[in-house]
Amino acid sequence: MSGTRQEPEFIAGTVLKRDAFSETVTGHLADAPDRQLAFRRLDALPLWSRGIARLLARREARALRAVQGIPGVPVLLRADRRGILRVWSEGTPLHLARPSDAAFYRDAKRLLRQMRRRGVTHNDIAKPQNWLMSPEGRAEVIDFQLASVHRRRGKLHRIMAREDLRHLLKQKRAFAPHLLTPAERRMLERKAMPARIWMATVKPAYNFVTRRLMHWSDSEGTEDRLDRDGPAIRAALKAAGVEDHAVATFSLPARGIGLYVFAATEGALPDLPAEHVQRVPALPRRDDGGIRDDLLALVAANRLDELDAALAHEPDLRPVMAPIVAGRLNLTDRLSR
């Protein structure tokens, strides 16, 4: 008598993101502890959101199946009513990696081009957190919940593919503006008609629902908060004799952006306009003496999975980072409550 082969159990690890439509956690299968996976769970959602969540999950699974084999997209292992299981992507989000090498953007264009040839548009890569830079410096893209699979490569497909490219150029303008060509600058200035309609009609309602009603948070307001409070924080620390310090941002659910101060001192600290102020023995530094703001940003956002991946390539920094991680003050999920 033949039996049905039972799938190995998924062993959950760190919660990366939790909202009304899914919970994304890292982990591994019971029979493969060394292979890190990501699981978007759908089996513990509130009743009111299950229909929308499963619709988004079906959309994501369909798009992922269509792009399998393309370097830089998540490797899909399983998609069913329980959720979507994929191989973990080890890259660093773009707003932390801040790539300035032309090779990264060439590879990102290659990735979009190969997706387009399979009739897939991502539709959500205006968010830098949906782009990753791999440890080898290549482009990766994640989160296909809003992706479209076009059976016919007609005008709509071409328009949406163009918008994907324009949104990539927005990332290039943010992190490597010196690499933009005249043609790319002109493209950035010309939004497609559907994009203009979306911005004028649907986007305001979308923002109201996601930010005010559902309490989602993203990176909006980061620069404003740093510009407003950053100089005062640095001036107060300098006046107190604290020369070694760094300021990072993290998401405040339903309230935008918070500031996290790391101060290398044993002395008293002044009152600062920041949500968290952590004393540390020392700050991580580059070979040239510059502070490793990228690693401190991961601690501030409690993104220990990404920090561990980064330190795997720089083990000499682990002794400096260990007490900072142990004493971290933000223990919440990184995007929302």
Protein backbone atom coordinates (compact mmCIF):
# COMPACT_ATOMS: atom_id res chain seq x y z
CA MET A 1 0.00 0.00 0.00
CA SER A 2 1.40 3.35 -1.02
CA GLY A 3 1.03 6.38 1.22
CA THR A 4 1.03 10.08 0.59
CA ARG A 5 4.40 11.67 1.20
CA GLN A 6 4.11 14.12 4.08
CA GLU A 7 5.71 17.51 3.56
CA PRO A 8 8.42 18.42 6.09
CA GLU A 9 7.34 20.84 8.80
CA PHE A 10 8.23 24.53 8.46
CA ILE A 11 10.10 25.74 11.56
CA ALA A 12 9.40 29.45 12.04
CA GLY A 13 12.12 31.85 13.11
CA THR A 14 12.02 35.66 12.98
CA VAL A 15 8.88 37.63 12.12
CA LEU A 16 9.78 40.10 9.39
CA LYS A 17 6.44 41.72 8.65
CA ARG A 18 2.93 41.41 9.98
CA ASP A 19 -0.22 43.11 8.72
CA ALA A 20 -3.88 42.32 8.15
CA PHE A 21 -3.13 40.41 4.94
CA SER A 22 -0.23 38.18 5.90
CA GLU A 23 2.62 37.45 8.26
CA THR A 24 6.06 36.96 6.74
CA VAL A 25 8.54 34.94 8.77
CA THR A 26 11.94 33.42 8.14
CA GLY A 27 12.63 29.82 9.02
CA HIS A 28 13.55 26.46 7.57
CA LEU A 29 12.13 23.04 6.85
CA ALA A 30 12.61 20.43 9.54
CA ASP A 31 14.73 18.26 7.25
CA ALA A 32 16.89 21.13 5.92
CA PRO A 33 17.91 23.43 8.81
CA ASP A 34 20.72 25.09 6.82
CA ARG A 35 18.46 26.39 4.05
CA GLN A 36 16.81 29.66 5.06
CA LEU A 37 13.30 30.24 3.75
CA ALA A 38 10.62 32.94 3.89
CA PHE A 39 6.98 32.03 4.47
CA ARG A 40 4.09 34.44 3.86
CA ARG A 41 1.48 32.90 6.17
CA LEU A 42 -2.24 33.15 5.50
CA ASP A 43 -3.58 30.69 8.07
CA ALA A 44 -4.07 33.05 11.02
CA LEU A 45 -5.72 36.11 9.52
CA PRO A 46 -8.81 38.00 10.71
CA LEU A 47 -11.99 36.91 8.94
CA TRP A 48 -12.57 40.27 7.26
CA SER A 49 -9.22 40.24 5.44
CA ARG A 50 -8.98 36.62 4.34
CA GLY A 51 -10.67 37.11 0.97
CA ILE A 52 -8.40 39.99 -0.03
CA ALA A 53 -5.34 38.25 1.39
CA ARG A 54 -5.94 35.08 -0.61
CA LEU A 55 -6.58 37.13 -3.76
CA LEU A 56 -3.23 38.88 -3.30
CA ALA A 57 -1.51 35.58 -2.55
CA ARG A 58 -2.93 33.97 -5.72
CA ARG A 59 -1.74 36.99 -7.70
CA GLU A 60 1.73 36.73 -6.19
CA ALA A 61 1.99 32.98 -6.73
CA ARG A 62 0.90 33.29 -10.37
CA ALA A 63 3.53 35.95 -11.05
CA LEU A 64 6.26 34.01 -9.24
CA ARG A 65 5.51 30.89 -11.25
CA ALA A 66 5.79 32.94 -14.44
CA VAL A 67 9.24 34.32 -13.61
CA GLN A 68 10.88 31.22 -12.13
CA GLY A 69 14.41 30.74 -13.45
CA ILE A 70 15.13 34.45 -13.86
CA PRO A 71 18.15 35.43 -11.75
CA GLY A 72 17.08 37.95 -9.13
CA VAL A 73 13.51 36.81 -8.42
CA PRO A 74 12.42 34.71 -5.41
CA VAL A 75 12.55 30.93 -5.83
CA LEU A 76 9.03 29.62 -5.20
CA LEU A 77 8.75 26.33 -3.31
CA ARG A 78 5.06 26.09 -2.47
CA ALA A 79 1.85 28.10 -2.73
CA ASP A 80 -1.44 26.95 -1.22
CA ARG A 81 -4.14 28.08 1.22
CA ARG A 82 -1.60 28.10 4.04
CA GLY A 83 0.59 30.64 2.30
CA ILE A 84 3.58 31.12 0.01
CA LEU A 85 6.91 29.48 0.80
CA ARG A 86 10.03 30.64 -1.01
CA VAL A 87 13.79 30.59 -0.66
CA TRP A 88 15.10 33.48 1.41
CA SER A 89 16.65 36.34 -0.58
CA GLU A 90 19.88 37.41 1.12
CA GLY A 91 20.14 40.86 -0.45
CA THR A 92 20.12 44.21 1.35
CA PRO A 93 17.18 46.58 0.72
CA LEU A 94 18.06 49.43 -1.59
CA HIS A 95 17.55 52.24 0.93
CA LEU A 96 20.24 50.59 3.07
CA ALA A 97 22.56 49.35 0.32
CA ARG A 98 22.39 52.68 -1.59
CA PRO A 99 24.12 51.28 -4.73
CA SER A 100 26.15 53.79 -6.71
CA ASP A 101 27.73 51.38 -9.19
CA ALA A 102 26.44 51.44 -12.76
CA ALA A 103 26.65 47.64 -12.90
CA PHE A 104 23.80 47.30 -10.38
CA TYR A 105 21.42 49.40 -12.47
CA ARG A 106 22.38 47.57 -15.66
CA ASP A 107 21.54 44.31 -13.94
CA ALA A 108 18.26 45.76 -12.64
CA LYS A 109 17.28 46.71 -16.21
CA ARG A 110 18.17 43.17 -17.29
CA LEU A 111 15.88 41.80 -14.60
CA LEU A 112 12.93 43.96 -15.68
CA ARG A 113 13.56 43.12 -19.31
CA GLN A 114 13.46 39.37 -18.65
CA MET A 115 10.28 39.74 -16.59
CA ARG A 116 8.68 41.76 -19.39
CA ARG A 117 9.49 39.04 -21.92
CA ARG A 118 7.47 36.64 -19.78
CA GLY A 119 4.56 39.05 -19.66
CA VAL A 120 5.07 40.06 -16.01
CA THR A 121 5.10 43.57 -14.58
CA HIS A 122 5.84 44.11 -10.90
CA ASN A 123 3.81 47.30 -10.32
CA ASP A 124 5.27 48.01 -6.85
CA ILE A 125 8.97 48.77 -7.30
CA ALA A 126 8.65 52.44 -6.51
CA LYS A 127 9.33 51.19 -2.95
CA PRO A 128 13.09 50.83 -2.40
CA GLN A 129 12.45 48.03 0.12
CA ASN A 130 11.16 45.85 -2.74
CA TRP A 131 14.57 46.08 -4.45
CA LEU A 132 17.53 44.22 -2.99
CA MET A 133 21.24 44.24 -3.73
CA SER A 134 22.68 40.74 -3.45
CA PRO A 135 25.98 40.08 -1.63
CA GLU A 136 27.52 39.86 -5.11
CA GLY A 137 26.17 43.29 -6.06
CA ARG A 138 23.39 42.06 -8.37
CA ALA A 139 19.79 43.27 -8.48
CA GLU A 140 16.93 41.33 -6.89
CA VAL A 141 13.24 42.17 -6.56
CA ILE A 142 10.72 40.80 -4.04
CA ASP A 143 7.05 41.15 -3.02
CA PHE A 144 4.98 40.28 -6.10
CA GLN A 145 1.58 40.81 -4.44
CA LEU A 146 0.59 43.53 -6.91
CA ALA A 147 2.31 42.00 -9.95
CA SER A 148 0.41 41.40 -13.20
CA VAL A 149 0.74 38.52 -15.64
CA HIS A 150 -0.28 39.72 -19.11
CA ARG A 151 -1.55 37.05 -21.48
CA ARG A 152 -1.38 39.49 -24.36
CA ARG A 153 1.55 41.86 -24.62
CA GLY A 154 -0.55 44.76 -25.79
CA LYS A 155 -0.62 48.44 -24.96
CA LEU A 156 -1.44 47.96 -21.27
CA HIS A 157 1.50 45.60 -20.84
CA ARG A 158 3.84 48.08 -22.52
CA ILE A 159 2.60 50.96 -20.36
CA MET A 160 2.99 49.03 -17.11
CA ALA A 161 6.43 47.75 -18.13
CA ARG A 162 7.46 51.33 -18.88
CA GLU A 163 6.27 52.39 -15.42
CA ASP A 164 8.36 49.61 -13.84
CA LEU A 165 11.40 51.00 -15.65
CA ARG A 166 10.55 54.59 -14.67
CA HIS A 167 10.29 53.54 -11.04
CA LEU A 168 13.71 51.88 -11.28
CA LEU A 169 15.06 55.19 -12.58
CA LYS A 170 13.57 56.89 -9.51
CA GLN A 171 15.75 54.62 -7.37
CA LYS A 172 18.73 55.47 -9.56
CA ARG A 173 17.99 59.18 -9.14
CA ALA A 174 17.84 58.74 -5.35
CA PHE A 175 21.04 56.74 -4.92
CA ALA A 176 23.17 57.40 -8.01
CA PRO A 177 21.92 60.57 -9.76
CA HIS A 178 25.30 61.05 -11.45
CA LEU A 179 24.62 57.90 -13.51
CA LEU A 180 21.38 59.14 -15.08
CA THR A 181 21.55 59.71 -18.83
CA PRO A 182 19.71 62.59 -20.56
CA ALA A 183 17.18 60.09 -21.96
CA GLU A 184 16.56 58.66 -18.49
CA ARG A 185 16.02 62.14 -17.04
CA ARG A 186 13.44 62.85 -19.74
CA MET A 187 11.67 59.56 -18.98
CA LEU A 188 11.47 60.46 -15.31
CA GLU A 189 9.67 63.68 -16.20
CA ARG A 190 6.98 61.91 -18.26
CA LYS A 191 4.54 59.78 -16.29
CA ALA A 192 2.24 57.51 -18.26
CA MET A 193 -1.43 58.56 -18.34
CA PRO A 194 -2.59 55.64 -16.10
CA ALA A 195 0.04 56.69 -13.53
CA ARG A 196 -1.20 60.28 -13.57
CA ILE A 197 -4.80 59.10 -13.14
CA TRP A 198 -3.76 56.81 -10.27
CA MET A 199 -1.94 59.63 -8.47
CA ALA A 200 -4.90 62.00 -8.85
CA THR A 201 -7.72 59.60 -7.93
CA VAL A 202 -6.85 56.22 -6.38
CA LYS A 203 -3.60 57.01 -4.52
CA PRO A 204 -5.15 59.48 -2.01
CA ALA A 205 -7.81 56.92 -1.05
CA TYR A 206 -5.20 54.14 -0.88
CA ASN A 207 -3.02 56.24 1.44
CA PHE A 208 -5.98 57.02 3.69
CA VAL A 209 -6.99 53.37 4.04
CA THR A 210 -3.48 51.94 4.52
CA ARG A 211 -1.99 54.66 6.74
CA ARG A 212 -4.94 56.01 8.71
CA LEU A 213 -7.25 53.00 8.97
CA MET A 214 -4.81 50.07 8.79
CA HIS A 215 -1.84 51.81 10.43
CA TRP A 216 0.70 50.78 7.82
CA SER A 217 3.98 52.62 7.79
CA ASP A 218 6.76 52.99 5.23
CA SER A 219 9.76 55.22 4.67
CA GLU A 220 7.82 58.41 3.93
CA GLY A 221 9.00 61.32 6.06
CA THR A 222 12.48 59.94 6.70
CA GLU A 223 14.37 62.87 5.25
CA ASP A 224 12.00 65.44 6.80
CA ARG A 225 12.50 63.97 10.27
CA LEU A 226 16.26 63.82 9.90
CA ASP A 227 16.40 67.35 8.52
CA ARG A 228 14.19 68.69 11.30
CA ASP A 229 15.65 67.00 14.39
CA GLY A 230 19.02 65.65 13.27
CA PRO A 231 21.01 68.92 13.61
CA ALA A 232 19.65 69.56 17.12
CA ILE A 233 20.56 66.03 18.23
CA ARG A 234 24.10 66.32 16.90
CA ALA A 235 24.59 69.76 18.43
CA ALA A 236 23.35 68.59 21.86
CA LEU A 237 25.60 65.54 21.82
CA LYS A 238 28.62 67.59 20.78
CA ALA A 239 27.93 70.08 23.58
CA ALA A 240 27.83 67.15 26.02
CA GLY A 241 31.22 65.96 24.77
CA VAL A 242 29.88 62.96 22.84
CA GLU A 243 31.78 62.99 19.57
CA ASP A 244 31.12 59.37 18.54
CA HIS A 245 27.45 59.02 17.70
CA ALA A 246 25.08 58.09 14.88
CA VAL A 247 21.43 58.73 14.13
CA ALA A 248 19.26 56.17 12.32
CA THR A 249 15.58 55.99 11.41
CA PHE A 250 12.97 53.29 11.94
CA SER A 251 9.25 52.90 11.29
CA LEU A 252 6.73 53.96 13.92
CA PRO A 253 3.46 52.07 13.30
CA ALA A 254 0.73 54.55 12.36
CA ARG A 255 3.00 57.49 13.23
CA GLY A 256 5.63 57.63 10.49
CA ILE A 257 9.35 57.74 11.22
CA GLY A 258 11.23 57.52 14.51
CA LEU A 259 14.81 58.47 15.34
CA TYR A 260 17.27 56.13 17.05
CA VAL A 261 20.51 57.55 18.50
CA PHE A 262 23.63 55.45 19.15
CA ALA A 263 26.06 57.24 21.49
CA ALA A 264 29.49 55.88 22.40
CA THR A 265 29.80 57.26 25.94
CA GLU A 266 29.56 56.25 29.59
CA GLY A 267 28.60 59.72 30.72
CA ALA A 268 25.27 61.47 31.09
CA LEU A 269 23.29 62.22 27.96
CA PRO A 270 21.14 65.30 27.35
CA ASP A 271 17.45 65.13 26.53
CA LEU A 272 17.15 64.50 22.79
CA PRO A 273 14.21 64.68 20.34
CA ALA A 274 14.51 60.95 19.59
CA GLU A 275 12.43 57.88 20.43
CA HIS A 276 15.43 55.75 21.41
CA VAL A 277 18.88 56.70 22.73
CA GLN A 278 21.27 53.80 23.30
CA ARG A 279 24.67 53.97 24.94
CA VAL A 280 27.15 51.69 23.17
CA PRO A 281 30.78 50.76 23.93
CA ALA A 282 31.91 51.63 20.40
CA LEU A 283 30.53 52.25 16.92
CA PRO A 284 31.24 49.98 13.95
CA ARG A 285 33.53 51.61 11.41
CA ARG A 286 34.81 51.17 7.87
CA ASP A 287 38.50 50.80 7.09
CA ASP A 288 38.65 54.54 6.39
CA GLY A 289 37.20 55.35 9.82
CA GLY A 290 33.68 56.19 8.66
CA ILE A 291 30.77 54.96 10.79
CA ARG A 292 28.85 51.95 9.45
CA ASP A 293 25.46 53.65 9.34
CA ASP A 294 24.06 50.76 7.28
CA LEU A 295 24.59 48.25 10.11
CA LEU A 296 23.24 50.61 12.76
CA ALA A 297 20.14 51.22 10.62
CA LEU A 298 19.45 47.47 10.69
CA VAL A 299 19.70 47.44 14.50
CA ALA A 300 17.42 50.48 14.76
CA ALA A 301 14.79 48.75 12.62
CA ASN A 302 15.26 45.43 14.49
CA ARG A 303 16.12 43.68 11.23
CA LEU A 304 18.44 41.12 12.74
CA ASP A 305 18.12 38.66 9.86
CA GLU A 306 19.60 41.16 7.42
CA LEU A 307 22.23 42.21 9.95
CA ASP A 308 23.32 38.61 10.44
CA ALA A 309 23.59 38.15 6.66
CA ALA A 310 25.72 41.29 6.40
CA LEU A 311 28.02 40.25 9.25
CA ALA A 312 28.51 36.83 7.69
CA HIS A 313 30.66 38.63 5.11
CA GLU A 314 32.37 40.85 7.71
CA PRO A 315 32.98 38.65 10.77
CA ASP A 316 35.54 41.11 12.18
CA LEU A 317 32.66 43.47 13.02
CA ARG A 318 30.73 40.93 15.10
CA PRO A 319 32.52 41.75 18.40
CA VAL A 320 31.64 45.44 17.99
CA MET A 321 28.05 44.74 16.98
CA ALA A 322 27.30 42.08 19.63
CA PRO A 323 26.79 44.46 22.60
CA ILE A 324 24.85 46.90 20.39
CA VAL A 325 22.46 44.14 19.34
CA ALA A 326 22.15 42.80 22.89
CA GLY A 327 21.22 46.24 24.22
CA ARG A 328 18.94 47.34 21.36
CA LEU A 329 15.85 49.29 22.36
CA ASN A 330 13.50 48.63 19.45
CA LEU A 331 12.08 45.10 19.61
CA THR A 332 9.01 45.61 17.47
CA ASP A 333 8.20 44.38 13.97
CA ARG A 334 9.89 46.47 11.38
CA LEU A 335 6.94 47.78 9.33
CA SER A 336 3.67 47.68 11.17
CA ARG A 337 1.89 46.50 14.26
